[in-house]
Amino acid sequence: MAWFRQAPGKEREFVGAISWSGGRTYY
């Protein structure tokens, strides 16, 4: 799963992700 964000006038930006097990994250 991942989270993204988008501010007005900007492209969608990657925030972070987590593995299916929850054991790994990436920001």
mmCIF file of all heavy atoms, coordinates in Angstrom:
data_MODEL
# 
_entry.id   MODEL 
# 
loop_
_atom_site.group_PDB 
_atom_site.id 
_atom_site.type_symbol 
_atom_site.label_atom_id 
_atom_site.label_alt_id 
_atom_site.label_comp_id 
_atom_site.label_asym_id 
_atom_site.label_entity_id 
_atom_site.label_seq_id 
_atom_site.pdbx_PDB_ins_code 
_atom_site.Cartn_x 
_atom_site.Cartn_y 
_atom_site.Cartn_z 
_atom_site.occupancy 
_atom_site.B_iso_or_equiv 
_atom_site.pdbx_formal_charge 
_atom_site.auth_seq_id 
_atom_site.auth_comp_id 
_atom_site.auth_asym_id 
_atom_site.auth_atom_id 
_atom_site.pdbx_PDB_model_num 
ATOM 1   N N   . MET A 1 1  ? 0.839  -1.185  0.000   1.00 0.00 ? 1  MET A N   1 
ATOM 2   C CA  . MET A 1 1  ? 0.000  0.000   0.000   1.00 0.00 ? 1  MET A CA  1 
ATOM 3   C C   . MET A 1 1  ? 0.882  1.245   0.000   1.00 0.00 ? 1  MET A C   1 
ATOM 4   O O   . MET A 1 1  ? 2.020  1.206   0.470   1.00 0.00 ? 1  MET A O   1 
ATOM 5   C CB  . MET A 1 1  ? -0.906 0.031   1.237   1.00 0.00 ? 1  MET A CB  1 
ATOM 6   C CG  . MET A 1 1  ? -1.881 -1.115  1.349   1.00 0.00 ? 1  MET A CG  1 
ATOM 7   S SD  . MET A 1 1  ? -3.196 -1.025  0.114   1.00 0.00 ? 1  MET A SD  1 
ATOM 8   C CE  . MET A 1 1  ? -4.032 0.488   0.617   1.00 0.00 ? 1  MET A CE  1 
ATOM 9   N N   . ALA A 1 2  ? 0.324  2.342   -0.479  1.00 0.00 ? 2  ALA A N   1 
ATOM 10  C CA  . ALA A 1 2  ? 1.094  3.582   -0.532  1.00 0.00 ? 2  ALA A CA  1 
ATOM 11  C C   . ALA A 1 2  ? 0.212  4.778   -0.234  1.00 0.00 ? 2  ALA A C   1 
ATOM 12  O O   . ALA A 1 2  ? -1.021 4.706   -0.335  1.00 0.00 ? 2  ALA A O   1 
ATOM 13  C CB  . ALA A 1 2  ? 1.741  3.752   -1.905  1.00 0.00 ? 2  ALA A CB  1 
ATOM 14  N N   . TRP A 1 3  ? 0.866  5.847   0.147   1.00 0.00 ? 3  TRP A N   1 
ATOM 15  C CA  . TRP A 1 3  ? 0.227  7.148   0.298   1.00 0.00 ? 3  TRP A CA  1 
ATOM 16  C C   . TRP A 1 3  ? 0.886  8.122   -0.690  1.00 0.00 ? 3  TRP A C   1 
ATOM 17  O O   . TRP A 1 3  ? 2.117  8.130   -0.854  1.00 0.00 ? 3  TRP A O   1 
ATOM 18  C CB  . TRP A 1 3  ? 0.393  7.689   1.715   1.00 0.00 ? 3  TRP A CB  1 
ATOM 19  C CG  . TRP A 1 3  ? -0.451 7.005   2.734   1.00 0.00 ? 3  TRP A CG  1 
ATOM 20  C CD1 . TRP A 1 3  ? -0.088 5.954   3.532   1.00 0.00 ? 3  TRP A CD1 1 
ATOM 21  C CD2 . TRP A 1 3  ? -1.798 7.312   3.090   1.00 0.00 ? 3  TRP A CD2 1 
ATOM 22  N NE1 . TRP A 1 3  ? -1.126 5.589   4.348   1.00 0.00 ? 3  TRP A NE1 1 
ATOM 23  C CE2 . TRP A 1 3  ? -2.191 6.427   4.101   1.00 0.00 ? 3  TRP A CE2 1 
ATOM 24  C CE3 . TRP A 1 3  ? -2.719 8.273   2.650   1.00 0.00 ? 3  TRP A CE3 1 
ATOM 25  C CZ2 . TRP A 1 3  ? -3.455 6.443   4.694   1.00 0.00 ? 3  TRP A CZ2 1 
ATOM 26  C CZ3 . TRP A 1 3  ? -3.972 8.308   3.236   1.00 0.00 ? 3  TRP A CZ3 1 
ATOM 27  C CH2 . TRP A 1 3  ? -4.335 7.404   4.242   1.00 0.00 ? 3  TRP A CH2 1 
ATOM 28  N N   . PHE A 1 4  ? 0.045  8.914   -1.314  1.00 0.00 ? 4  PHE A N   1 
ATOM 29  C CA  . PHE A 1 4  ? 0.486  9.985   -2.195  1.00 0.00 ? 4  PHE A CA  1 
ATOM 30  C C   . PHE A 1 4  ? -0.196 11.274  -1.734  1.00 0.00 ? 4  PHE A C   1 
ATOM 31  O O   . PHE A 1 4  ? -1.151 11.244  -0.943  1.00 0.00 ? 4  PHE A O   1 
ATOM 32  C CB  . PHE A 1 4  ? 0.083  9.695   -3.646  1.00 0.00 ? 4  PHE A CB  1 
ATOM 33  C CG  . PHE A 1 4  ? 0.837  8.570   -4.285  1.00 0.00 ? 4  PHE A CG  1 
ATOM 34  C CD1 . PHE A 1 4  ? 0.488  7.252   -4.029  1.00 0.00 ? 4  PHE A CD1 1 
ATOM 35  C CD2 . PHE A 1 4  ? 1.887  8.812   -5.155  1.00 0.00 ? 4  PHE A CD2 1 
ATOM 36  C CE1 . PHE A 1 4  ? 1.184  6.194   -4.618  1.00 0.00 ? 4  PHE A CE1 1 
ATOM 37  C CE2 . PHE A 1 4  ? 2.581  7.776   -5.750  1.00 0.00 ? 4  PHE A CE2 1 
ATOM 38  C CZ  . PHE A 1 4  ? 2.222  6.469   -5.479  1.00 0.00 ? 4  PHE A CZ  1 
ATOM 39  N N   . ARG A 1 5  ? 0.273  12.384  -2.258  1.00 0.00 ? 5  ARG A N   1 
ATOM 40  C CA  . ARG A 1 5  ? -0.399 13.648  -1.979  1.00 0.00 ? 5  ARG A CA  1 
ATOM 41  C C   . ARG A 1 5  ? -0.308 14.544  -3.204  1.00 0.00 ? 5  ARG A C   1 
ATOM 42  O O   . ARG A 1 5  ? 0.589  14.391  -4.032  1.00 0.00 ? 5  ARG A O   1 
ATOM 43  C CB  . ARG A 1 5  ? 0.213  14.344  -0.756  1.00 0.00 ? 5  ARG A CB  1 
ATOM 44  C CG  . ARG A 1 5  ? 1.657  14.793  -0.924  1.00 0.00 ? 5  ARG A CG  1 
ATOM 45  C CD  . ARG A 1 5  ? 2.202  15.316  0.396   1.00 0.00 ? 5  ARG A CD  1 
ATOM 46  N NE  . ARG A 1 5  ? 3.583  15.791  0.255   1.00 0.00 ? 5  ARG A NE  1 
ATOM 47  C CZ  . ARG A 1 5  ? 4.309  16.214  1.288   1.00 0.00 ? 5  ARG A CZ  1 
ATOM 48  N NH1 . ARG A 1 5  ? 3.795  16.209  2.533   1.00 0.00 ? 5  ARG A NH1 1 
ATOM 49  N NH2 . ARG A 1 5  ? 5.548  16.630  1.089   1.00 0.00 ? 5  ARG A NH2 1 
ATOM 50  N N   . GLN A 1 6  ? -1.246 15.472  -3.275  1.00 0.00 ? 6  GLN A N   1 
ATOM 51  C CA  . GLN A 1 6  ? -1.254 16.416  -4.382  1.00 0.00 ? 6  GLN A CA  1 
ATOM 52  C C   . GLN A 1 6  ? -1.674 17.788  -3.871  1.00 0.00 ? 6  GLN A C   1 
ATOM 53  O O   . GLN A 1 6  ? -2.781 17.949  -3.345  1.00 0.00 ? 6  GLN A O   1 
ATOM 54  C CB  . GLN A 1 6  ? -2.200 15.957  -5.490  1.00 0.00 ? 6  GLN A CB  1 
ATOM 55  C CG  . GLN A 1 6  ? -2.100 16.783  -6.755  1.00 0.00 ? 6  GLN A CG  1 
ATOM 56  C CD  . GLN A 1 6  ? -2.760 16.123  -7.948  1.00 0.00 ? 6  GLN A CD  1 
ATOM 57  O OE1 . GLN A 1 6  ? -3.594 15.227  -7.816  1.00 0.00 ? 6  GLN A OE1 1 
ATOM 58  N NE2 . GLN A 1 6  ? -2.393 16.539  -9.140  1.00 0.00 ? 6  GLN A NE2 1 
ATOM 59  N N   . ALA A 1 7  ? -0.772 18.731  -4.030  1.00 0.00 ? 7  ALA A N   1 
ATOM 60  C CA  . ALA A 1 7  ? -1.046 20.114  -3.661  1.00 0.00 ? 7  ALA A CA  1 
ATOM 61  C C   . ALA A 1 7  ? -1.601 20.854  -4.879  1.00 0.00 ? 7  ALA A C   1 
ATOM 62  O O   . ALA A 1 7  ? -1.358 20.432  -6.025  1.00 0.00 ? 7  ALA A O   1 
ATOM 63  C CB  . ALA A 1 7  ? 0.226  20.786  -3.167  1.00 0.00 ? 7  ALA A CB  1 
ATOM 64  N N   . PRO A 1 8  ? -2.317 21.932  -4.673  1.00 0.00 ? 8  PRO A N   1 
ATOM 65  C CA  . PRO A 1 8  ? -2.889 22.681  -5.796  1.00 0.00 ? 8  PRO A CA  1 
ATOM 66  C C   . PRO A 1 8  ? -1.813 23.107  -6.791  1.00 0.00 ? 8  PRO A C   1 
ATOM 67  O O   . PRO A 1 8  ? -0.773 23.645  -6.401  1.00 0.00 ? 8  PRO A O   1 
ATOM 68  C CB  . PRO A 1 8  ? -3.522 23.903  -5.115  1.00 0.00 ? 8  PRO A CB  1 
ATOM 69  C CG  . PRO A 1 8  ? -3.831 23.453  -3.741  1.00 0.00 ? 8  PRO A CG  1 
ATOM 70  C CD  . PRO A 1 8  ? -2.735 22.499  -3.384  1.00 0.00 ? 8  PRO A CD  1 
ATOM 71  N N   . GLY A 1 9  ? -2.050 22.822  -8.057  1.00 0.00 ? 9  GLY A N   1 
ATOM 72  C CA  . GLY A 1 9  ? -1.122 23.222  -9.102  1.00 0.00 ? 9  GLY A CA  1 
ATOM 73  C C   . GLY A 1 9  ? 0.121  22.356  -9.222  1.00 0.00 ? 9  GLY A C   1 
ATOM 74  O O   . GLY A 1 9  ? 1.014  22.667  -10.019 1.00 0.00 ? 9  GLY A O   1 
ATOM 75  N N   . LYS A 1 10 ? 0.181  21.286  -8.441  1.00 0.00 ? 10 LYS A N   1 
ATOM 76  C CA  . LYS A 1 10 ? 1.359  20.416  -8.484  1.00 0.00 ? 10 LYS A CA  1 
ATOM 77  C C   . LYS A 1 10 ? 0.967  19.002  -8.874  1.00 0.00 ? 10 LYS A C   1 
ATOM 78  O O   . LYS A 1 10 ? -0.194 18.612  -8.773  1.00 0.00 ? 10 LYS A O   1 
ATOM 79  C CB  . LYS A 1 10 ? 2.053  20.408  -7.122  1.00 0.00 ? 10 LYS A CB  1 
ATOM 80  C CG  . LYS A 1 10 ? 2.644  21.755  -6.722  1.00 0.00 ? 10 LYS A CG  1 
ATOM 81  C CD  . LYS A 1 10 ? 3.482  21.639  -5.465  1.00 0.00 ? 10 LYS A CD  1 
ATOM 82  C CE  . LYS A 1 10 ? 4.143  22.963  -5.119  1.00 0.00 ? 10 LYS A CE  1 
ATOM 83  N NZ  . LYS A 1 10 ? 4.999  22.843  -3.894  1.00 0.00 ? 10 LYS A NZ  1 
ATOM 84  N N   . GLU A 1 11 ? 1.965  18.238  -9.295  1.00 0.00 ? 11 GLU A N   1 
ATOM 85  C CA  . GLU A 1 11 ? 1.724  16.845  -9.646  1.00 0.00 ? 11 GLU A CA  1 
ATOM 86  C C   . GLU A 1 11 ? 1.569  16.001  -8.385  1.00 0.00 ? 11 GLU A C   1 
ATOM 87  O O   . GLU A 1 11 ? 2.009  16.376  -7.305  1.00 0.00 ? 11 GLU A O   1 
ATOM 88  C CB  . GLU A 1 11 ? 2.894  16.315  -10.479 1.00 0.00 ? 11 GLU A CB  1 
ATOM 89  C CG  . GLU A 1 11 ? 2.988  16.942  -11.852 1.00 0.00 ? 11 GLU A CG  1 
ATOM 90  C CD  . GLU A 1 11 ? 4.030  16.252  -12.724 1.00 0.00 ? 11 GLU A CD  1 
ATOM 91  O OE1 . GLU A 1 11 ? 4.750  15.377  -12.215 1.00 0.00 ? 11 GLU A OE1 1 
ATOM 92  O OE2 . GLU A 1 11 ? 4.114  16.605  -13.910 1.00 0.00 ? 11 GLU A OE2 1 
ATOM 93  N N   . ARG A 1 12 ? 0.935  14.857  -8.566  1.00 0.00 ? 12 ARG A N   1 
ATOM 94  C CA  . ARG A 1 12 ? 0.797  13.932  -7.450  1.00 0.00 ? 12 ARG A CA  1 
ATOM 95  C C   . ARG A 1 12 ? 2.186  13.457  -7.031  1.00 0.00 ? 12 ARG A C   1 
ATOM 96  O O   . ARG A 1 12 ? 3.014  13.095  -7.874  1.00 0.00 ? 12 ARG A O   1 
ATOM 97  C CB  . ARG A 1 12 ? -0.077 12.759  -7.863  1.00 0.00 ? 12 ARG A CB  1 
ATOM 98  C CG  . ARG A 1 12 ? -0.496 11.872  -6.713  1.00 0.00 ? 12 ARG A CG  1 
ATOM 99  C CD  . ARG A 1 12 ? -1.658 10.993  -7.089  1.00 0.00 ? 12 ARG A CD  1 
ATOM 100 N NE  . ARG A 1 12 ? -2.862 11.774  -7.388  1.00 0.00 ? 12 ARG A NE  1 
ATOM 101 C CZ  . ARG A 1 12 ? -4.070 11.240  -7.536  1.00 0.00 ? 12 ARG A CZ  1 
ATOM 102 N NH1 . ARG A 1 12 ? -4.235 9.934   -7.421  1.00 0.00 ? 12 ARG A NH1 1 
ATOM 103 N NH2 . ARG A 1 12 ? -5.112 11.998  -7.810  1.00 0.00 ? 12 ARG A NH2 1 
ATOM 104 N N   . GLU A 1 13 ? 2.409  13.436  -5.730  1.00 0.00 ? 13 GLU A N   1 
ATOM 105 C CA  . GLU A 1 13 ? 3.730  13.148  -5.165  1.00 0.00 ? 13 GLU A CA  1 
ATOM 106 C C   . GLU A 1 13 ? 3.667  11.922  -4.263  1.00 0.00 ? 13 GLU A C   1 
ATOM 107 O O   . GLU A 1 13 ? 2.758  11.798  -3.431  1.00 0.00 ? 13 GLU A O   1 
ATOM 108 C CB  . GLU A 1 13 ? 4.189  14.369  -4.344  1.00 0.00 ? 13 GLU A CB  1 
ATOM 109 C CG  . GLU A 1 13 ? 5.462  14.198  -3.580  1.00 0.00 ? 13 GLU A CG  1 
ATOM 110 C CD  . GLU A 1 13 ? 5.733  15.334  -2.597  1.00 0.00 ? 13 GLU A CD  1 
ATOM 111 O OE1 . GLU A 1 13 ? 4.788  16.049  -2.227  1.00 0.00 ? 13 GLU A OE1 1 
ATOM 112 O OE2 . GLU A 1 13 ? 6.903  15.507  -2.210  1.00 0.00 ? 13 GLU A OE2 1 
ATOM 113 N N   . PHE A 1 14 ? 4.633  11.053  -4.426  1.00 0.00 ? 14 PHE A N   1 
ATOM 114 C CA  . PHE A 1 14 ? 4.754  9.873   -3.555  1.00 0.00 ? 14 PHE A CA  1 
ATOM 115 C C   . PHE A 1 14 ? 5.134  10.325  -2.148  1.00 0.00 ? 14 PHE A C   1 
ATOM 116 O O   . PHE A 1 14 ? 6.051  11.134  -1.965  1.00 0.00 ? 14 PHE A O   1 
ATOM 117 C CB  . PHE A 1 14 ? 5.813  8.939   -4.124  1.00 0.00 ? 14 PHE A CB  1 
ATOM 118 C CG  . PHE A 1 14 ? 6.165  7.775   -3.251  1.00 0.00 ? 14 PHE A CG  1 
ATOM 119 C CD1 . PHE A 1 14 ? 5.333  6.674   -3.183  1.00 0.00 ? 14 PHE A CD1 1 
ATOM 120 C CD2 . PHE A 1 14 ? 7.341  7.771   -2.515  1.00 0.00 ? 14 PHE A CD2 1 
ATOM 121 C CE1 . PHE A 1 14 ? 5.659  5.585   -2.392  1.00 0.00 ? 14 PHE A CE1 1 
ATOM 122 C CE2 . PHE A 1 14 ? 7.683  6.687   -1.736  1.00 0.00 ? 14 PHE A CE2 1 
ATOM 123 C CZ  . PHE A 1 14 ? 6.840  5.589   -1.668  1.00 0.00 ? 14 PHE A CZ  1 
ATOM 124 N N   . VAL A 1 15 ? 4.444  9.765   -1.157  1.00 0.00 ? 15 VAL A N   1 
ATOM 125 C CA  . VAL A 1 15 ? 4.749  10.044  0.250   1.00 0.00 ? 15 VAL A CA  1 
ATOM 126 C C   . VAL A 1 15 ? 5.484  8.865   0.873   1.00 0.00 ? 15 VAL A C   1 
ATOM 127 O O   . VAL A 1 15 ? 6.534  9.021   1.500   1.00 0.00 ? 15 VAL A O   1 
ATOM 128 C CB  . VAL A 1 15 ? 3.467  10.352  1.045   1.00 0.00 ? 15 VAL A CB  1 
ATOM 129 C CG1 . VAL A 1 15 ? 3.757  10.463  2.540   1.00 0.00 ? 15 VAL A CG1 1 
ATOM 130 C CG2 . VAL A 1 15 ? 2.812  11.633  0.520   1.00 0.00 ? 15 VAL A CG2 1 
ATOM 131 N N   . GLY A 1 16 ? 4.930  7.676   0.714   1.00 0.00 ? 16 GLY A N   1 
ATOM 132 C CA  . GLY A 1 16 ? 5.551  6.501   1.279   1.00 0.00 ? 16 GLY A CA  1 
ATOM 133 C C   . GLY A 1 16 ? 4.751  5.255   0.960   1.00 0.00 ? 16 GLY A C   1 
ATOM 134 O O   . GLY A 1 16 ? 3.623  5.330   0.474   1.00 0.00 ? 16 GLY A O   1 
ATOM 135 N N   . ALA A 1 17 ? 5.357  4.115   1.236   1.00 0.00 ? 17 ALA A N   1 
ATOM 136 C CA  . ALA A 1 17 ? 4.720  2.831   0.963   1.00 0.00 ? 17 ALA A CA  1 
ATOM 137 C C   . ALA A 1 17 ? 5.058  1.838   2.060   1.00 0.00 ? 17 ALA A C   1 
ATOM 138 O O   . ALA A 1 17 ? 6.050  2.003   2.782   1.00 0.00 ? 17 ALA A O   1 
ATOM 139 C CB  . ALA A 1 17 ? 5.162  2.288   -0.389  1.00 0.00 ? 17 ALA A CB  1 
ATOM 140 N N   . ILE A 1 18 ? 4.227  0.818   2.169   1.00 0.00 ? 18 ILE A N   1 
ATOM 141 C CA  . ILE A 1 18 ? 4.440  -0.235  3.154   1.00 0.00 ? 18 ILE A CA  1 
ATOM 142 C C   . ILE A 1 18 ? 4.209  -1.574  2.485   1.00 0.00 ? 18 ILE A C   1 
ATOM 143 O O   . ILE A 1 18 ? 3.308  -1.730  1.646   1.00 0.00 ? 18 ILE A O   1 
ATOM 144 C CB  . ILE A 1 18 ? 3.523  -0.036  4.377   1.00 0.00 ? 18 ILE A CB  1 
ATOM 145 C CG1 . ILE A 1 18 ? 3.864  -1.026  5.490   1.00 0.00 ? 18 ILE A CG1 1 
ATOM 146 C CG2 . ILE A 1 18 ? 2.048  -0.114  3.986   1.00 0.00 ? 18 ILE A CG2 1 
ATOM 147 C CD1 . ILE A 1 18 ? 3.228  -0.681  6.824   1.00 0.00 ? 18 ILE A CD1 1 
ATOM 148 N N   . SER A 1 19 ? 5.013  -2.544  2.845   1.00 0.00 ? 19 SER A N   1 
ATOM 149 C CA  . SER A 1 19 ? 4.898  -3.866  2.243   1.00 0.00 ? 19 SER A CA  1 
ATOM 150 C C   . SER A 1 19 ? 3.641  -4.579  2.713   1.00 0.00 ? 19 SER A C   1 
ATOM 151 O O   . SER A 1 19 ? 3.037  -4.209  3.730   1.00 0.00 ? 19 SER A O   1 
ATOM 152 C CB  . SER A 1 19 ? 6.131  -4.703  2.594   1.00 0.00 ? 19 SER A CB  1 
ATOM 153 O OG  . SER A 1 19 ? 6.212  -4.882  3.998   1.00 0.00 ? 19 SER A OG  1 
ATOM 154 N N   . TRP A 1 20 ? 3.277  -5.630  1.996   1.00 0.00 ? 20 TRP A N   1 
ATOM 155 C CA  . TRP A 1 20 ? 2.040  -6.357  2.309   1.00 0.00 ? 20 TRP A CA  1 
ATOM 156 C C   . TRP A 1 20 ? 2.057  -6.925  3.725   1.00 0.00 ? 20 TRP A C   1 
ATOM 157 O O   . TRP A 1 20 ? 1.028  -7.028  4.373   1.00 0.00 ? 20 TRP A O   1 
ATOM 158 C CB  . TRP A 1 20 ? 1.782  -7.458  1.278   1.00 0.00 ? 20 TRP A CB  1 
ATOM 159 C CG  . TRP A 1 20 ? 2.977  -8.324  0.969   1.00 0.00 ? 20 TRP A CG  1 
ATOM 160 C CD1 . TRP A 1 20 ? 3.883  -8.136  -0.040  1.00 0.00 ? 20 TRP A CD1 1 
ATOM 161 C CD2 . TRP A 1 20 ? 3.394  -9.494  1.653   1.00 0.00 ? 20 TRP A CD2 1 
ATOM 162 N NE1 . TRP A 1 20 ? 4.832  -9.113  -0.008  1.00 0.00 ? 20 TRP A NE1 1 
ATOM 163 C CE2 . TRP A 1 20 ? 4.563  -9.982  1.018   1.00 0.00 ? 20 TRP A CE2 1 
ATOM 164 C CE3 . TRP A 1 20 ? 2.900  -10.211 2.759   1.00 0.00 ? 20 TRP A CE3 1 
ATOM 165 C CZ2 . TRP A 1 20 ? 5.230  -11.115 1.441   1.00 0.00 ? 20 TRP A CZ2 1 
ATOM 166 C CZ3 . TRP A 1 20 ? 3.560  -11.344 3.173   1.00 0.00 ? 20 TRP A CZ3 1 
ATOM 167 C CH2 . TRP A 1 20 ? 4.719  -11.777 2.522   1.00 0.00 ? 20 TRP A CH2 1 
ATOM 168 N N   . SER A 1 21 ? 3.239  -7.273  4.216   1.00 0.00 ? 21 SER A N   1 
ATOM 169 C CA  . SER A 1 21 ? 3.351  -7.822  5.572   1.00 0.00 ? 21 SER A CA  1 
ATOM 170 C C   . SER A 1 21 ? 3.441  -6.733  6.630   1.00 0.00 ? 21 SER A C   1 
ATOM 171 O O   . SER A 1 21 ? 3.274  -6.994  7.820   1.00 0.00 ? 21 SER A O   1 
ATOM 172 C CB  . SER A 1 21 ? 4.582  -8.706  5.673   1.00 0.00 ? 21 SER A CB  1 
ATOM 173 O OG  . SER A 1 21 ? 5.756  -7.903  5.567   1.00 0.00 ? 21 SER A OG  1 
ATOM 174 N N   . GLY A 1 22 ? 3.747  -5.530  6.194   1.00 0.00 ? 22 GLY A N   1 
ATOM 175 C CA  . GLY A 1 22 ? 3.977  -4.440  7.135   1.00 0.00 ? 22 GLY A CA  1 
ATOM 176 C C   . GLY A 1 22 ? 5.414  -4.360  7.628   1.00 0.00 ? 22 GLY A C   1 
ATOM 177 O O   . GLY A 1 22 ? 5.760  -3.465  8.393   1.00 0.00 ? 22 GLY A O   1 
ATOM 178 N N   . GLY A 1 23 ? 6.242  -5.268  7.158   1.00 0.00 ? 23 GLY A N   1 
ATOM 179 C CA  . GLY A 1 23 ? 7.601  -5.332  7.666   1.00 0.00 ? 23 GLY A CA  1 
ATOM 180 C C   . GLY A 1 23 ? 8.578  -4.331  7.069   1.00 0.00 ? 23 GLY A C   1 
ATOM 181 O O   . GLY A 1 23 ? 9.657  -4.110  7.623   1.00 0.00 ? 23 GLY A O   1 
ATOM 182 N N   . ARG A 1 24 ? 8.217  -3.761  5.942   1.00 0.00 ? 24 ARG A N   1 
ATOM 183 C CA  . ARG A 1 24 ? 9.095  -2.795  5.277   1.00 0.00 ? 24 ARG A CA  1 
ATOM 184 C C   . ARG A 1 24 ? 8.330  -1.543  4.914   1.00 0.00 ? 24 ARG A C   1 
ATOM 185 O O   . ARG A 1 24 ? 7.161  -1.607  4.535   1.00 0.00 ? 24 ARG A O   1 
ATOM 186 C CB  . ARG A 1 24 ? 9.702  -3.405  4.018   1.00 0.00 ? 24 ARG A CB  1 
ATOM 187 C CG  . ARG A 1 24 ? 10.750 -4.478  4.268   1.00 0.00 ? 24 ARG A CG  1 
ATOM 188 C CD  . ARG A 1 24 ? 11.266 -5.068  2.966   1.00 0.00 ? 24 ARG A CD  1 
ATOM 189 N NE  . ARG A 1 24 ? 10.227 -5.834  2.286   1.00 0.00 ? 24 ARG A NE  1 
ATOM 190 C CZ  . ARG A 1 24 ? 9.758  -5.526  1.088   1.00 0.00 ? 24 ARG A CZ  1 
ATOM 191 N NH1 . ARG A 1 24 ? 10.205 -4.466  0.431   1.00 0.00 ? 24 ARG A NH1 1 
ATOM 192 N NH2 . ARG A 1 24 ? 8.827  -6.284  0.529   1.00 0.00 ? 24 ARG A NH2 1 
ATOM 193 N N   . THR A 1 25 ? 9.024  -0.428  5.021   1.00 0.00 ? 25 THR A N   1 
ATOM 194 C CA  . THR A 1 25 ? 8.462  0.850   4.605   1.00 0.00 ? 25 THR A CA  1 
ATOM 195 C C   . THR A 1 25 ? 9.482  1.623   3.776   1.00 0.00 ? 25 THR A C   1 
ATOM 196 O O   . THR A 1 25 ? 10.684 1.326   3.824   1.00 0.00 ? 25 THR A O   1 
ATOM 197 C CB  . THR A 1 25 ? 8.035  1.717   5.808   1.00 0.00 ? 25 THR A CB  1 
ATOM 198 O OG1 . THR A 1 25 ? 9.143  1.820   6.722   1.00 0.00 ? 25 THR A OG1 1 
ATOM 199 C CG2 . THR A 1 25 ? 6.838  1.129   6.526   1.00 0.00 ? 25 THR A CG2 1 
ATOM 200 N N   . TYR A 1 26 ? 8.980  2.595   3.063   1.00 0.00 ? 26 TYR A N   1 
ATOM 201 C CA  . TYR A 1 26 ? 9.816  3.388   2.161   1.00 0.00 ? 26 TYR A CA  1 
ATOM 202 C C   . TYR A 1 26 ? 9.188  4.766   2.092   1.00 0.00 ? 26 TYR A C   1 
ATOM 203 O O   . TYR A 1 26 ? 7.980  4.862   1.866   1.00 0.00 ? 26 TYR A O   1 
ATOM 204 C CB  . TYR A 1 26 ? 9.838  2.701   0.799   1.00 0.00 ? 26 TYR A CB  1 
ATOM 205 C CG  . TYR A 1 26 ? 10.426 3.478   -0.363  1.00 0.00 ? 26 TYR A CG  1 
ATOM 206 C CD1 . TYR A 1 26 ? 11.590 4.228   -0.231  1.00 0.00 ? 26 TYR A CD1 1 
ATOM 207 C CD2 . TYR A 1 26 ? 9.813  3.438   -1.616  1.00 0.00 ? 26 TYR A CD2 1 
ATOM 208 C CE1 . TYR A 1 26 ? 12.113 4.913   -1.315  1.00 0.00 ? 26 TYR A CE1 1 
ATOM 209 C CE2 . TYR A 1 26 ? 10.335 4.121   -2.707  1.00 0.00 ? 26 TYR A CE2 1 
ATOM 210 C CZ  . TYR A 1 26 ? 11.485 4.851   -2.543  1.00 0.00 ? 26 TYR A CZ  1 
ATOM 211 O OH  . TYR A 1 26 ? 12.005 5.530   -3.618  1.00 0.00 ? 26 TYR A OH  1 
ATOM 212 N N   . TYR A 1 27 ? 9.996  5.809   2.311   1.00 0.00 ? 27 TYR A N   1 
ATOM 213 C CA  . TYR A 1 27 ? 9.453  7.157   2.397   1.00 0.00 ? 27 TYR A CA  1 
ATOM 214 C C   . TYR A 1 27 ? 10.162 8.108   1.436   1.00 0.00 ? 27 TYR A C   1 
ATOM 215 O O   . TYR A 1 27 ? 11.344 7.968   1.153   1.00 0.00 ? 27 TYR A O   1 
ATOM 216 C CB  . TYR A 1 27 ? 9.626  7.699   3.820   1.00 0.00 ? 27 TYR A CB  1 
ATOM 217 C CG  . TYR A 1 27 ? 8.891  6.906   4.868   1.00 0.00 ? 27 TYR A CG  1 
ATOM 218 C CD1 . TYR A 1 27 ? 9.545  5.953   5.629   1.00 0.00 ? 27 TYR A CD1 1 
ATOM 219 C CD2 . TYR A 1 27 ? 7.532  7.114   5.089   1.00 0.00 ? 27 TYR A CD2 1 
ATOM 220 C CE1 . TYR A 1 27 ? 8.869  5.215   6.585   1.00 0.00 ? 27 TYR A CE1 1 
ATOM 221 C CE2 . TYR A 1 27 ? 6.839  6.389   6.045   1.00 0.00 ? 27 TYR A CE2 1 
ATOM 222 C CZ  . TYR A 1 27 ? 7.524  5.437   6.786   1.00 0.00 ? 27 TYR A CZ  1 
ATOM 223 O OH  . TYR A 1 27 ? 6.852  4.707   7.738   1.00 0.00 ? 27 TYR A OH  1 
# 
